[in-house]
Amino acid sequence: MGFWQTNAVPVLHAGLLQAFSQSVVYTPASTAVPETIEAIFDAYAATITVEGGQQIQGTAPTLSLRLADLTVYPKARDTLTIAGVAYRVDSIEPEGDGWALLRVSETT
C-alpha cells in the first residue's frame, strides 16, 4: 500500500464518520443477531431513462461502512434499520481500504 492508502485514507474516513454517520442497526442474515454501528447513509436522487425516452425518478440508497465494525462480512439479504426505516442489502462493493459501499433498498 502506498502513502495515501496507509496514512491519508484512514484520516479522511474518520472525519467522514464523525461528520456524517448515523446509527444503524445491522442484522446479518447468517446470524440474525442485530448489531449497532455507525455508518454513512445516502439516499441520492436517481433518474433512469427507459426505452422511448421516458424517465423514471427515484432514490438509490447506499450505506458506506467500515467492514471491521461488523462481526461478519456483509452479504446480500442482510437487513438494516436507519431512523426507523427498514432496508435490505442488494449488493456489496468493497472499496479495497477496509470499507464497503452497500447498495440497499427499502423494504415494505
PDB file of N, CA and C in Angstrom:
ATOM      1  N   MET A   1       0.832  -1.177   0.000  1.00  0.00           N
ATOM      2  CA  MET A   1       0.000   0.000   0.000  1.00  0.00           C
ATOM      3  C   MET A   1       0.875   1.237   0.000  1.00  0.00           C
ATOM      4  N   GLY A   2       0.433   2.256  -0.707  1.00  0.00           N
ATOM      5  CA  GLY A   2       1.170   3.499  -0.767  1.00  0.00           C
ATOM      6  C   GLY A   2       0.857   4.415   0.402  1.00  0.00           C
ATOM      7  N   PHE A   3       1.547   5.533   0.419  1.00  0.00           N
ATOM      8  CA  PHE A   3       1.375   6.515   1.485  1.00  0.00           C
ATOM      9  C   PHE A   3      -0.082   6.936   1.612  1.00  0.00           C
ATOM     10  N   TRP A   4      -0.736   7.206   0.500  1.00  0.00           N
ATOM     11  CA  TRP A   4      -2.125   7.674   0.509  1.00  0.00           C
ATOM     12  C   TRP A   4      -3.026   6.672   1.215  1.00  0.00           C
ATOM     13  N   GLN A   5      -2.949   5.410   0.801  1.00  0.00           N
ATOM     14  CA  GLN A   5      -3.812   4.369   1.394  1.00  0.00           C
ATOM     15  C   GLN A   5      -3.486   4.143   2.866  1.00  0.00           C
ATOM     16  N   THR A   6      -2.228   4.189   3.222  1.00  0.00           N
ATOM     17  CA  THR A   6      -1.816   3.892   4.588  1.00  0.00           C
ATOM     18  C   THR A   6      -2.092   5.038   5.554  1.00  0.00           C
ATOM     19  N   ASN A   7      -1.899   6.268   5.107  1.00  0.00           N
ATOM     20  CA  ASN A   7      -1.960   7.403   6.021  1.00  0.00           C
ATOM     21  C   ASN A   7      -3.157   8.332   5.829  1.00  0.00           C
ATOM     22  N   ALA A   8      -3.427   8.713   4.614  1.00  0.00           N
ATOM     23  CA  ALA A   8      -4.458   9.726   4.382  1.00  0.00           C
ATOM     24  C   ALA A   8      -5.881   9.163   4.402  1.00  0.00           C
ATOM     25  N   VAL A   9      -6.102   8.027   3.778  1.00  0.00           N
ATOM     26  CA  VAL A   9      -7.455   7.479   3.668  1.00  0.00           C
ATOM     27  C   VAL A   9      -8.076   7.204   5.043  1.00  0.00           C
ATOM     28  N   PRO A  10      -7.364   6.585   5.999  1.00  0.00           N
ATOM     29  CA  PRO A  10      -7.980   6.375   7.315  1.00  0.00           C
ATOM     30  C   PRO A  10      -8.376   7.679   8.008  1.00  0.00           C
ATOM     31  N   VAL A  11      -7.581   8.715   7.848  1.00  0.00           N
ATOM     32  CA  VAL A  11      -7.905  10.010   8.459  1.00  0.00           C
ATOM     33  C   VAL A  11      -9.150  10.605   7.799  1.00  0.00           C
ATOM     34  N   LEU A  12      -9.227  10.510   6.489  1.00  0.00           N
ATOM     35  CA  LEU A  12     -10.406  11.009   5.773  1.00  0.00           C
ATOM     36  C   LEU A  12     -11.665  10.256   6.182  1.00  0.00           C
ATOM     37  N   HIS A  13     -11.575   8.934   6.264  1.00  0.00           N
ATOM     38  CA  HIS A  13     -12.736   8.140   6.663  1.00  0.00           C
ATOM     39  C   HIS A  13     -13.184   8.477   8.084  1.00  0.00           C
ATOM     40  N   ALA A  14     -12.237   8.656   8.993  1.00  0.00           N
ATOM     41  CA  ALA A  14     -12.585   9.004  10.374  1.00  0.00           C
ATOM     42  C   ALA A  14     -13.322  10.336  10.412  1.00  0.00           C
ATOM     43  N   GLY A  15     -12.868  11.297   9.629  1.00  0.00           N
ATOM     44  CA  GLY A  15     -13.536  12.595   9.561  1.00  0.00           C
ATOM     45  C   GLY A  15     -14.925  12.494   8.972  1.00  0.00           C
ATOM     46  N   LEU A  16     -15.076  11.686   7.938  1.00  0.00           N
ATOM     47  CA  LEU A  16     -16.397  11.491   7.335  1.00  0.00           C
ATOM     48  C   LEU A  16     -17.363  10.843   8.316  1.00  0.00           C
ATOM     49  N   LEU A  17     -16.883   9.829   9.040  1.00  0.00           N
ATOM     50  CA  LEU A  17     -17.743   9.186  10.036  1.00  0.00           C
ATOM     51  C   LEU A  17     -18.172  10.169  11.114  1.00  0.00           C
ATOM     52  N   GLN A  18     -17.229  10.971  11.573  1.00  0.00           N
ATOM     53  CA  GLN A  18     -17.550  11.934  12.622  1.00  0.00           C
ATOM     54  C   GLN A  18     -18.577  12.955  12.149  1.00  0.00           C
ATOM     55  N   ALA A  19     -18.466  13.379  10.903  1.00  0.00           N
ATOM     56  CA  ALA A  19     -19.347  14.429  10.382  1.00  0.00           C
ATOM     57  C   ALA A  19     -20.694  13.913   9.888  1.00  0.00           C
ATOM     58  N   PHE A  20     -20.727  12.729   9.287  1.00  0.00           N
ATOM     59  CA  PHE A  20     -21.926  12.309   8.559  1.00  0.00           C
ATOM     60  C   PHE A  20     -22.559  10.998   9.013  1.00  0.00           C
ATOM     61  N   SER A  21     -21.983  10.325   9.991  1.00  0.00           N
ATOM     62  CA  SER A  21     -22.504   8.995  10.324  1.00  0.00           C
ATOM     63  C   SER A  21     -23.834   9.064  11.058  1.00  0.00           C
ATOM     64  N   GLN A  22     -24.549   7.968  10.925  1.00  0.00           N
ATOM     65  CA  GLN A  22     -25.809   7.760  11.627  1.00  0.00           C
ATOM     66  C   GLN A  22     -25.735   6.407  12.310  1.00  0.00           C
ATOM     67  N   SER A  23     -26.523   6.242  13.331  1.00  0.00           N
ATOM     68  CA  SER A  23     -26.623   4.952  13.992  1.00  0.00           C
ATOM     69  C   SER A  23     -27.437   4.007  13.109  1.00  0.00           C
ATOM     70  N   VAL A  24     -26.899   2.827  12.888  1.00  0.00           N
ATOM     71  CA  VAL A  24     -27.531   1.831  12.027  1.00  0.00           C
ATOM     72  C   VAL A  24     -27.626   0.518  12.787  1.00  0.00           C
ATOM     73  N   VAL A  25     -28.795  -0.086  12.799  1.00  0.00           N
ATOM     74  CA  VAL A  25     -28.945  -1.430  13.357  1.00  0.00           C
ATOM     75  C   VAL A  25     -28.820  -2.395  12.186  1.00  0.00           C
ATOM     76  N   TYR A  26     -27.718  -3.125  12.160  1.00  0.00           N
ATOM     77  CA  TYR A  26     -27.386  -4.026  11.057  1.00  0.00           C
ATOM     78  C   TYR A  26     -27.608  -5.457  11.512  1.00  0.00           C
ATOM     79  N   THR A  27     -28.376  -6.231  10.727  1.00  0.00           N
ATOM     80  CA  THR A  27     -28.657  -7.623  11.082  1.00  0.00           C
ATOM     81  C   THR A  27     -28.218  -8.544   9.953  1.00  0.00           C
ATOM     82  N   PRO A  28     -27.104  -9.249  10.139  1.00  0.00           N
ATOM     83  CA  PRO A  28     -26.672 -10.213   9.128  1.00  0.00           C
ATOM     84  C   PRO A  28     -27.685 -11.357   9.014  1.00  0.00           C
ATOM     85  N   ALA A  29     -28.006 -11.745   7.797  1.00  0.00           N
ATOM     86  CA  ALA A  29     -28.941 -12.858   7.598  1.00  0.00           C
ATOM     87  C   ALA A  29     -28.360 -14.149   8.173  1.00  0.00           C
ATOM     88  N   SER A  30     -27.041 -14.287   8.157  1.00  0.00           N
ATOM     89  CA  SER A  30     -26.411 -15.528   8.603  1.00  0.00           C
ATOM     90  C   SER A  30     -26.497 -15.748  10.107  1.00  0.00           C
ATOM     91  N   THR A  31     -26.574 -14.670  10.897  1.00  0.00           N
ATOM     92  CA  THR A  31     -26.630 -14.836  12.353  1.00  0.00           C
ATOM     93  C   THR A  31     -27.953 -14.380  12.955  1.00  0.00           C
ATOM     94  N   ALA A  32     -28.653 -13.485  12.279  1.00  0.00           N
ATOM     95  CA  ALA A  32     -29.904 -12.892  12.763  1.00  0.00           C
ATOM     96  C   ALA A  32     -29.717 -12.161  14.090  1.00  0.00           C
ATOM     97  N   VAL A  33     -28.471 -11.783  14.397  1.00  0.00           N
ATOM     98  CA  VAL A  33     -28.175 -11.050  15.621  1.00  0.00           C
ATOM     99  C   VAL A  33     -27.905  -9.590  15.258  1.00  0.00           C
ATOM    100  N   PRO A  34     -28.795  -8.669  15.659  1.00  0.00           N
ATOM    101  CA  PRO A  34     -28.597  -7.266  15.307  1.00  0.00           C
ATOM    102  C   PRO A  34     -27.395  -6.660  16.029  1.00  0.00           C
ATOM    103  N   GLU A  35     -26.702  -5.772  15.339  1.00  0.00           N
ATOM    104  CA  GLU A  35     -25.594  -5.038  15.927  1.00  0.00           C
ATOM    105  C   GLU A  35     -25.714  -3.572  15.511  1.00  0.00           C
ATOM    106  N   THR A  36     -25.392  -2.676  16.419  1.00  0.00           N
ATOM    107  CA  THR A  36     -25.492  -1.248  16.144  1.00  0.00           C
ATOM    108  C   THR A  36     -24.116  -0.718  15.772  1.00  0.00           C
ATOM    109  N   ILE A  37     -24.042  -0.067  14.610  1.00  0.00           N
ATOM    110  CA  ILE A  37     -22.786   0.505  14.125  1.00  0.00           C
ATOM    111  C   ILE A  37     -23.033   1.946  13.704  1.00  0.00           C
ATOM    112  N   GLU A  38     -21.973   2.667  13.438  1.00  0.00           N
ATOM    113  CA  GLU A  38     -22.045   3.990  12.843  1.00  0.00           C
ATOM    114  C   GLU A  38     -21.648   3.852  11.383  1.00  0.00           C
ATOM    115  N   ALA A  39     -22.448   4.402  10.473  1.00  0.00           N
ATOM    116  CA  ALA A  39     -22.168   4.309   9.040  1.00  0.00           C
ATOM    117  C   ALA A  39     -22.745   5.543   8.347  1.00  0.00           C
ATOM    118  N   ILE A  40     -22.386   5.718   7.097  1.00  0.00           N
ATOM    119  CA  ILE A  40     -22.826   6.891   6.338  1.00  0.00           C
ATOM    120  C   ILE A  40     -23.892   6.458   5.339  1.00  0.00           C
ATOM    121  N   PHE A  41     -25.091   6.970   5.534  1.00  0.00           N
ATOM    122  CA  PHE A  41     -26.242   6.645   4.681  1.00  0.00           C
ATOM    123  C   PHE A  41     -26.489   7.788   3.711  1.00  0.00           C
ATOM    124  N   ASP A  42     -26.801   7.443   2.464  1.00  0.00           N
ATOM    125  CA  ASP A  42     -27.127   8.450   1.461  1.00  0.00           C
ATOM    126  C   ASP A  42     -28.240   7.899   0.580  1.00  0.00           C
ATOM    127  N   ALA A  43     -29.266   8.694   0.383  1.00  0.00           N
ATOM    128  CA  ALA A  43     -30.379   8.290  -0.492  1.00  0.00           C
ATOM    129  C   ALA A  43     -30.495   9.329  -1.602  1.00  0.00           C
ATOM    130  N   TYR A  44     -29.488   9.356  -2.464  1.00  0.00           N
ATOM    131  CA  TYR A  44     -29.459  10.370  -3.518  1.00  0.00           C
ATOM    132  C   TYR A  44     -30.508  10.081  -4.597  1.00  0.00           C
ATOM    133  N   ALA A  45     -30.901  11.143  -5.270  1.00  0.00           N
ATOM    134  CA  ALA A  45     -31.899  11.020  -6.332  1.00  0.00           C
ATOM    135  C   ALA A  45     -31.287  10.330  -7.552  1.00  0.00           C
ATOM    136  N   ALA A  46     -32.076   9.508  -8.191  1.00  0.00           N
ATOM    137  CA  ALA A  46     -31.624   8.809  -9.394  1.00  0.00           C
ATOM    138  C   ALA A  46     -32.709   8.904 -10.462  1.00  0.00           C
ATOM    139  N   THR A  47     -32.277   9.117 -11.686  1.00  0.00           N
ATOM    140  CA  THR A  47     -33.199   9.160 -12.814  1.00  0.00           C
ATOM    141  C   THR A  47     -32.770   8.113 -13.836  1.00  0.00           C
ATOM    142  N   ILE A  48     -33.722   7.288 -14.255  1.00  0.00           N
ATOM    143  CA  ILE A  48     -33.453   6.245 -15.235  1.00  0.00           C
ATOM    144  C   ILE A  48     -34.260   6.567 -16.489  1.00  0.00           C
ATOM    145  N   THR A  49     -33.597   6.533 -17.635  1.00  0.00           N
ATOM    146  CA  THR A  49     -34.287   6.740 -18.905  1.00  0.00           C
ATOM    147  C   THR A  49     -34.570   5.375 -19.515  1.00  0.00           C
ATOM    148  N   VAL A  50     -35.833   5.120 -19.788  1.00  0.00           N
ATOM    149  CA  VAL A  50     -36.239   3.830 -20.350  1.00  0.00           C
ATOM    150  C   VAL A  50     -36.464   3.973 -21.848  1.00  0.00           C
ATOM    151  N   GLU A  51     -36.706   2.849 -22.481  1.00  0.00           N
ATOM    152  CA  GLU A  51     -36.934   2.836 -23.921  1.00  0.00           C
ATOM    153  C   GLU A  51     -38.041   3.817 -24.281  1.00  0.00           C
ATOM    154  N   GLY A  52     -37.820   4.603 -25.309  1.00  0.00           N
ATOM    155  CA  GLY A  52     -38.784   5.610 -25.724  1.00  0.00           C
ATOM    156  C   GLY A  52     -38.501   6.972 -25.110  1.00  0.00           C
ATOM    157  N   GLY A  53     -37.467   7.041 -24.271  1.00  0.00           N
ATOM    158  CA  GLY A  53     -37.068   8.317 -23.698  1.00  0.00           C
ATOM    159  C   GLY A  53     -37.781   8.725 -22.420  1.00  0.00           C
ATOM    160  N   GLN A  54     -38.712   7.922 -21.983  1.00  0.00           N
ATOM    161  CA  GLN A  54     -39.421   8.249 -20.745  1.00  0.00           C
ATOM    162  C   GLN A  54     -38.481   8.095 -19.557  1.00  0.00           C
ATOM    163  N   GLN A  55     -38.617   8.993 -18.569  1.00  0.00           N
ATOM    164  CA  GLN A  55     -37.744   8.950 -17.407  1.00  0.00           C
ATOM    165  C   GLN A  55     -38.514   8.553 -16.154  1.00  0.00           C
ATOM    166  N   ILE A  56     -37.834   7.774 -15.314  1.00  0.00           N
ATOM    167  CA  ILE A  56     -38.382   7.353 -14.028  1.00  0.00           C
ATOM    168  C   ILE A  56     -37.444   7.897 -12.960  1.00  0.00           C
ATOM    169  N   GLN A  57     -38.019   8.571 -11.974  1.00  0.00           N
ATOM    170  CA  GLN A  57     -37.203   9.128 -10.903  1.00  0.00           C
ATOM    171  C   GLN A  57     -37.437   8.371  -9.606  1.00  0.00           C
ATOM    172  N   GLY A  58     -36.397   8.277  -8.833  1.00  0.00           N
ATOM    173  CA  GLY A  58     -36.486   7.601  -7.539  1.00  0.00           C
ATOM    174  C   GLY A  58     -35.237   7.885  -6.735  1.00  0.00           C
ATOM    175  N   THR A  59     -34.955   7.039  -5.779  1.00  0.00           N
ATOM    176  CA  THR A  59     -33.736   7.185  -4.997  1.00  0.00           C
ATOM    177  C   THR A  59     -32.885   5.935  -5.141  1.00  0.00           C
ATOM    178  N   ALA A  60     -31.610   6.094  -4.891  1.00  0.00           N
ATOM    179  CA  ALA A  60     -30.668   4.980  -4.928  1.00  0.00           C
ATOM    180  C   ALA A  60     -29.903   4.979  -3.611  1.00  0.00           C
ATOM    181  N   PRO A  61     -30.504   4.436  -2.535  1.00  0.00           N
ATOM    182  CA  PRO A  61     -29.866   4.497  -1.227  1.00  0.00           C
ATOM    183  C   PRO A  61     -28.612   3.626  -1.135  1.00  0.00           C
ATOM    184  N   THR A  62     -27.599   4.183  -0.443  1.00  0.00           N
ATOM    185  CA  THR A  62     -26.358   3.456  -0.201  1.00  0.00           C
ATOM    186  C   THR A  62     -25.945   3.620   1.255  1.00  0.00           C
ATOM    187  N   LEU A  63     -25.124   2.696   1.707  1.00  0.00           N
ATOM    188  CA  LEU A  63     -24.577   2.755   3.051  1.00  0.00           C
ATOM    189  C   LEU A  63     -23.079   2.490   2.947  1.00  0.00           C
ATOM    190  N   SER A  64     -22.274   3.449   3.407  1.00  0.00           N
ATOM    191  CA  SER A  64     -20.816   3.271   3.461  1.00  0.00           C
ATOM    192  C   SER A  64     -20.451   2.897   4.886  1.00  0.00           C
ATOM    193  N   LEU A  65     -19.701   1.805   5.015  1.00  0.00           N
ATOM    194  CA  LEU A  65     -19.349   1.363   6.367  1.00  0.00           C
ATOM    195  C   LEU A  65     -17.942   0.801   6.417  1.00  0.00           C
ATOM    196  N   ARG A  66     -17.410   0.800   7.619  1.00  0.00           N
ATOM    197  CA  ARG A  66     -16.098   0.218   7.894  1.00  0.00           C
ATOM    198  C   ARG A  66     -16.346  -1.272   8.156  1.00  0.00           C
ATOM    199  N   LEU A  67     -15.767  -2.137   7.340  1.00  0.00           N
ATOM    200  CA  LEU A  67     -16.011  -3.573   7.453  1.00  0.00           C
ATOM    201  C   LEU A  67     -15.639  -4.118   8.833  1.00  0.00           C
ATOM    202  N   ALA A  68     -14.639  -3.547   9.473  1.00  0.00           N
ATOM    203  CA  ALA A  68     -14.216  -4.015  10.795  1.00  0.00           C
ATOM    204  C   ALA A  68     -15.274  -3.766  11.860  1.00  0.00           C
ATOM    205  N   ASP A  69     -16.252  -2.903  11.580  1.00  0.00           N
ATOM    206  CA  ASP A  69     -17.311  -2.632  12.561  1.00  0.00           C
ATOM    207  C   ASP A  69     -18.361  -3.740  12.613  1.00  0.00           C
ATOM    208  N   LEU A  70     -18.355  -4.626  11.626  1.00  0.00           N
ATOM    209  CA  LEU A  70     -19.314  -5.737  11.599  1.00  0.00           C
ATOM    210  C   LEU A  70     -18.644  -7.012  12.096  1.00  0.00           C
ATOM    211  N   THR A  71     -19.434  -7.879  12.701  1.00  0.00           N
ATOM    212  CA  THR A  71     -18.887  -9.150  13.188  1.00  0.00           C
ATOM    213  C   THR A  71     -18.732 -10.167  12.067  1.00  0.00           C
ATOM    214  N   VAL A  72     -19.512 -10.019  10.980  1.00  0.00           N
ATOM    215  CA  VAL A  72     -19.392 -10.888   9.807  1.00  0.00           C
ATOM    216  C   VAL A  72     -19.394 -10.013   8.556  1.00  0.00           C
ATOM    217  N   TYR A  73     -18.821 -10.534   7.481  1.00  0.00           N
ATOM    218  CA  TYR A  73     -18.776  -9.798   6.215  1.00  0.00           C
ATOM    219  C   TYR A  73     -20.210  -9.606   5.700  1.00  0.00           C
ATOM    220  N   PRO A  74     -20.553  -8.407   5.230  1.00  0.00           N
ATOM    221  CA  PRO A  74     -21.924  -8.178   4.748  1.00  0.00           C
ATOM    222  C   PRO A  74     -22.245  -9.012   3.504  1.00  0.00           C
ATOM    223  N   LYS A  75     -23.509  -9.370   3.400  1.00  0.00           N
ATOM    224  CA  LYS A  75     -23.981 -10.153   2.250  1.00  0.00           C
ATOM    225  C   LYS A  75     -25.332  -9.634   1.810  1.00  0.00           C
ATOM    226  N   ALA A  76     -25.658  -9.903   0.557  1.00  0.00           N
ATOM    227  CA  ALA A  76     -26.990  -9.574   0.047  1.00  0.00           C
ATOM    228  C   ALA A  76     -28.016 -10.286   0.923  1.00  0.00           C
ATOM    229  N   ARG A  77     -29.117  -9.639   1.176  1.00  0.00           N
ATOM    230  CA  ARG A  77     -30.239 -10.091   2.000  1.00  0.00           C
ATOM    231  C   ARG A  77     -30.054  -9.808   3.480  1.00  0.00           C
ATOM    232  N   ASP A  78     -28.889  -9.259   3.888  1.00  0.00           N
ATOM    233  CA  ASP A  78     -28.792  -8.748   5.251  1.00  0.00           C
ATOM    234  C   ASP A  78     -29.780  -7.591   5.353  1.00  0.00           C
ATOM    235  N   THR A  79     -30.171  -7.242   6.564  1.00  0.00           N
ATOM    236  CA  THR A  79     -31.120  -6.135   6.742  1.00  0.00           C
ATOM    237  C   THR A  79     -30.519  -5.084   7.659  1.00  0.00           C
ATOM    238  N   LEU A  80     -31.060  -3.889   7.559  1.00  0.00           N
ATOM    239  CA  LEU A  80     -30.622  -2.803   8.420  1.00  0.00           C
ATOM    240  C   LEU A  80     -31.772  -1.842   8.643  1.00  0.00           C
ATOM    241  N   THR A  81     -31.677  -1.114   9.739  1.00  0.00           N
ATOM    242  CA  THR A  81     -32.689  -0.116  10.069  1.00  0.00           C
ATOM    243  C   THR A  81     -31.986   1.193  10.368  1.00  0.00           C
ATOM    244  N   ILE A  82     -32.467   2.258   9.728  1.00  0.00           N
ATOM    245  CA  ILE A  82     -31.925   3.596   9.922  1.00  0.00           C
ATOM    246  C   ILE A  82     -33.099   4.524  10.202  1.00  0.00           C
ATOM    247  N   ALA A  83     -33.080   5.172  11.349  1.00  0.00           N
ATOM    248  CA  ALA A  83     -34.143   6.112  11.740  1.00  0.00           C
ATOM    249  C   ALA A  83     -35.528   5.488  11.594  1.00  0.00           C
ATOM    250  N   GLY A  84     -35.646   4.214  11.960  1.00  0.00           N
ATOM    251  CA  GLY A  84     -36.928   3.526  11.939  1.00  0.00           C
ATOM    252  C   GLY A  84     -37.357   2.987  10.583  1.00  0.00           C
ATOM    253  N   VAL A  85     -36.531   3.164   9.558  1.00  0.00           N
ATOM    254  CA  VAL A  85     -36.851   2.671   8.215  1.00  0.00           C
ATOM    255  C   VAL A  85     -36.020   1.425   7.934  1.00  0.00           C
ATOM    256  N   ALA A  86     -36.680   0.362   7.459  1.00  0.00           N
ATOM    257  CA  ALA A  86     -36.008  -0.918   7.201  1.00  0.00           C
ATOM    258  C   ALA A  86     -35.523  -0.989   5.752  1.00  0.00           C
ATOM    259  N   TYR A  87     -34.309  -1.533   5.593  1.00  0.00           N
ATOM    260  CA  TYR A  87     -33.698  -1.708   4.278  1.00  0.00           C
ATOM    261  C   TYR A  87     -33.142  -3.113   4.162  1.00  0.00           C
ATOM    262  N   ARG A  88     -32.965  -3.553   2.910  1.00  0.00           N
ATOM    263  CA  ARG A  88     -32.344  -4.847   2.600  1.00  0.00           C
ATOM    264  C   ARG A  88     -31.092  -4.565   1.769  1.00  0.00           C
ATOM    265  N   VAL A  89     -30.014  -5.291   2.036  1.00  0.00           N
ATOM    266  CA  VAL A  89     -28.790  -5.143   1.250  1.00  0.00           C
ATOM    267  C   VAL A  89     -28.979  -5.858  -0.084  1.00  0.00           C
ATOM    268  N   ASP A  90     -28.755  -5.125  -1.170  1.00  0.00           N
ATOM    269  CA  ASP A  90     -28.866  -5.701  -2.512  1.00  0.00           C
ATOM    270  C   ASP A  90     -27.512  -6.130  -3.064  1.00  0.00           C
ATOM    271  N   SER A  91     -26.470  -5.312  -2.801  1.00  0.00           N
ATOM    272  CA  SER A  91     -25.133  -5.649  -3.289  1.00  0.00           C
ATOM    273  C   SER A  91     -24.079  -4.967  -2.425  1.00  0.00           C
ATOM    274  N   ILE A  92     -22.882  -5.528  -2.476  1.00  0.00           N
ATOM    275  CA  ILE A  92     -21.759  -5.021  -1.696  1.00  0.00           C
ATOM    276  C   ILE A  92     -20.626  -4.702  -2.652  1.00  0.00           C
ATOM    277  N   GLU A  93     -20.054  -3.505  -2.510  1.00  0.00           N
ATOM    278  CA  GLU A  93     -18.925  -3.090  -3.340  1.00  0.00           C
ATOM    279  C   GLU A  93     -17.750  -2.754  -2.417  1.00  0.00           C
ATOM    280  N   PRO A  94     -16.819  -3.702  -2.209  1.00  0.00           N
ATOM    281  CA  PRO A  94     -15.660  -3.412  -1.364  1.00  0.00           C
ATOM    282  C   PRO A  94     -14.839  -2.283  -1.988  1.00  0.00           C
ATOM    283  N   GLU A  95     -14.347  -1.389  -1.145  1.00  0.00           N
ATOM    284  CA  GLU A  95     -13.575  -0.255  -1.647  1.00  0.00           C
ATOM    285  C   GLU A  95     -12.074  -0.520  -1.606  1.00  0.00           C
ATOM    286  N   GLY A  96     -11.649  -1.662  -1.056  1.00  0.00           N
ATOM    287  CA  GLY A  96     -10.252  -2.019  -1.058  1.00  0.00           C
ATOM    288  C   GLY A  96      -9.431  -1.398   0.057  1.00  0.00           C
ATOM    289  N   ASP A  97     -10.080  -0.648   0.936  1.00  0.00           N
ATOM    290  CA  ASP A  97      -9.358   0.020   2.021  1.00  0.00           C
ATOM    291  C   ASP A  97     -10.002  -0.268   3.375  1.00  0.00           C
ATOM    292  N   GLY A  98     -10.703  -1.390   3.458  1.00  0.00           N
ATOM    293  CA  GLY A  98     -11.366  -1.751   4.707  1.00  0.00           C
ATOM    294  C   GLY A  98     -12.782  -1.223   4.810  1.00  0.00           C
ATOM    295  N   TRP A  99     -13.242  -0.551   3.781  1.00  0.00           N
ATOM    296  CA  TRP A  99     -14.605  -0.021   3.733  1.00  0.00           C
ATOM    297  C   TRP A  99     -15.362  -0.691   2.596  1.00  0.00           C
ATOM    298  N   ALA A 100     -16.684  -0.584   2.635  1.00  0.00           N
ATOM    299  CA  ALA A 100     -17.513  -1.099   1.567  1.00  0.00           C
ATOM    300  C   ALA A 100     -18.714  -0.174   1.367  1.00  0.00           C
ATOM    301  N   LEU A 101     -19.197  -0.132   0.142  1.00  0.00           N
ATOM    302  CA  LEU A 101     -20.402   0.582  -0.205  1.00  0.00           C
ATOM    303  C   LEU A 101     -21.491  -0.462  -0.416  1.00  0.00           C
ATOM    304  N   LEU A 102     -22.570  -0.369   0.357  1.00  0.00           N
ATOM    305  CA  LEU A 102     -23.679  -1.296   0.220  1.00  0.00           C
ATOM    306  C   LEU A 102     -24.816  -0.598  -0.502  1.00  0.00           C
ATOM    307  N   ARG A 103     -25.294  -1.197  -1.547  1.00  0.00           N
ATOM    308  CA  ARG A 103     -26.487  -0.690  -2.230  1.00  0.00           C
ATOM    309  C   ARG A 103     -27.670  -1.367  -1.540  1.00  0.00           C
ATOM    310  N   VAL A 104     -28.611  -0.567  -1.104  1.00  0.00           N
ATOM    311  CA  VAL A 104     -29.731  -1.085  -0.316  1.00  0.00           C
ATOM    312  C   VAL A 104     -31.056  -0.618  -0.918  1.00  0.00           C
ATOM    313  N   SER A 105     -32.127  -1.304  -0.548  1.00  0.00           N
ATOM    314  CA  SER A 105     -33.459  -0.888  -0.974  1.00  0.00           C
ATOM    315  C   SER A 105     -34.396  -0.983   0.219  1.00  0.00           C
ATOM    316  N   GLU A 106     -35.328  -0.052   0.247  1.00  0.00           N
ATOM    317  CA  GLU A 106     -36.289  -0.012   1.344  1.00  0.00           C
ATOM    318  C   GLU A 106     -37.202  -1.214   1.262  1.00  0.00           C
ATOM    319  N   THR A 107     -37.481  -1.823   2.415  1.00  0.00           N
ATOM    320  CA  THR A 107     -38.402  -2.958   2.454  1.00  0.00           C
ATOM    321  C   THR A 107     -39.778  -2.454   2.878  1.00  0.00           C
ATOM    322  N   THR A 108     -40.789  -3.201   2.496  1.00  0.00           N
ATOM    323  CA  THR A 108     -42.152  -2.795   2.837  1.00  0.00           C
ATOM    324  C   THR A 108     -42.758  -3.716   3.858  1.00  0.00           C
TER     325      THR A 108
END
